[in-house]
């Protein structure tokens, strides 16, 4: 994958349990085979906006957005630009399911996911810590409550 157009072309291939990450400049290069990297050479918010726009038109996907819990405690006194970035991030993710978990917990989720499923990492030029956005892809046409009902029926038939 060379650029965001490649992501757009590959989006129909992504599905339930795949991840798309829009990460800051210091995000590490991980060694798992299922992780693919793209250096966008752009700022985080414009890249995230483009990714979320693509996801809005992907009827087969329903994204769950994870943010680092640490970001909740960041402000301009710790890293200049944090307040503005947080405000814009809130606008961009409005209407999406957003969960905040500790940074290390996200890595544990990604480690497990990348053993079986692809993870696409879009590195940005952001130099504000804990601003990476982790998007777990769920099925866009099958709701969790329907899956639970299906599993209940299977269990009842045993």
Foldseek 3Di string as FASTA:
>chain_A
DEEVVVVLVCVVVDAALEKEKQDEQPPDDDDQPQEAEYAHQAARLVVLLVVVVSVVPRLFKAKEKEFEPVLVVDDCVVPNPSVVLVVSVCVSCPPHHYYYYHPVVVVVSCVVSSNPHHYYYYYYHDPDPRGMMMIGIHTNPADPVNVVVVVVVVVVVD
